[in-house]
């Protein structure tokens, strides 16, 4: 009866209340009469086809409002469980991905699923992998080749060199170990550093960074301040790009893989949403200025051979 009373309070007409509740008009009238008899008060006064609530009806509506709000919230939660589950989607990401293209993809995902809650945590690559392994993350966005577990290749891109704007190397289209051996080199984290060191070794040049950093964006900030030069992933180079440094292709061509790790505990509708997120982020990377620029560079380099 209270649900019928609530509907009549909202629309103030028996016919409209019946249509709203998808029941007959006599059923609405009978319920209101029964409620009035049980309470011993008149709840509505007729004004033509309209029903005007009495003071008693207004007080009753105020008393029952919390109940209907709770029921509405419960229904929303039940609907949400059916689509994404009660717990939020937990994403761990390395800074290069987590501060850039992942946020663009996340915005598009939440437009598609407005009921979705998300927790985003930015950590270094090792911590991202550990969070997925320990079940703390549903998705991990990181760099490097993964040999175990469920993972998804997002993209491969070539490493780049960033140098201060006034550096003589800005005149070159590509920069290699021989060009950098007399500069103050800044390392850029545990994933990129071994790749750069291997490239130096292939050229017969010892890799000796003068400054070591944990994150590629820290290396970018140092180059901006004129502290040296750095080889970094192109995502962070573009993300933190400024008029204080120039970006050049690193030679020999050295690729880095952006990958997504999928946690073992994500299933059902939330897994489908996670897969949709990976689809969107893959599209964003593919159409990003980074990939477009590198595609043009690949065509240019092939034409010069």
Foldseek 3Di string as FASTA:
>chain_A
DVLLLVLCVVVQALVSSCVVVVHDSVVSVVVQVVVCVVVVHHQWDDDPRGTHGDPVSVVVCVVCVVVVVVVVVVVVQVVCCVFARDDAAEEEEECLCLVPLLVVLVVVLCVVVVVGDYDYHYDAQVVLVVCQVVVVHQKYKYKDDDDDADKFFLDKAWKKKKAFPPDPCVVDQEDEPVNAVPKQEEEAADHVVVQNQVRCVVVVHGDDHPHYDHHNLVVVVCRLVVNIMYIDHVSSCVVPPDNGIDIHTYPPTTMMIIMMGGHPPDDDNNVVSVVSSSVSSSVSVCPDPRNVVRVVVVVVVVVVD
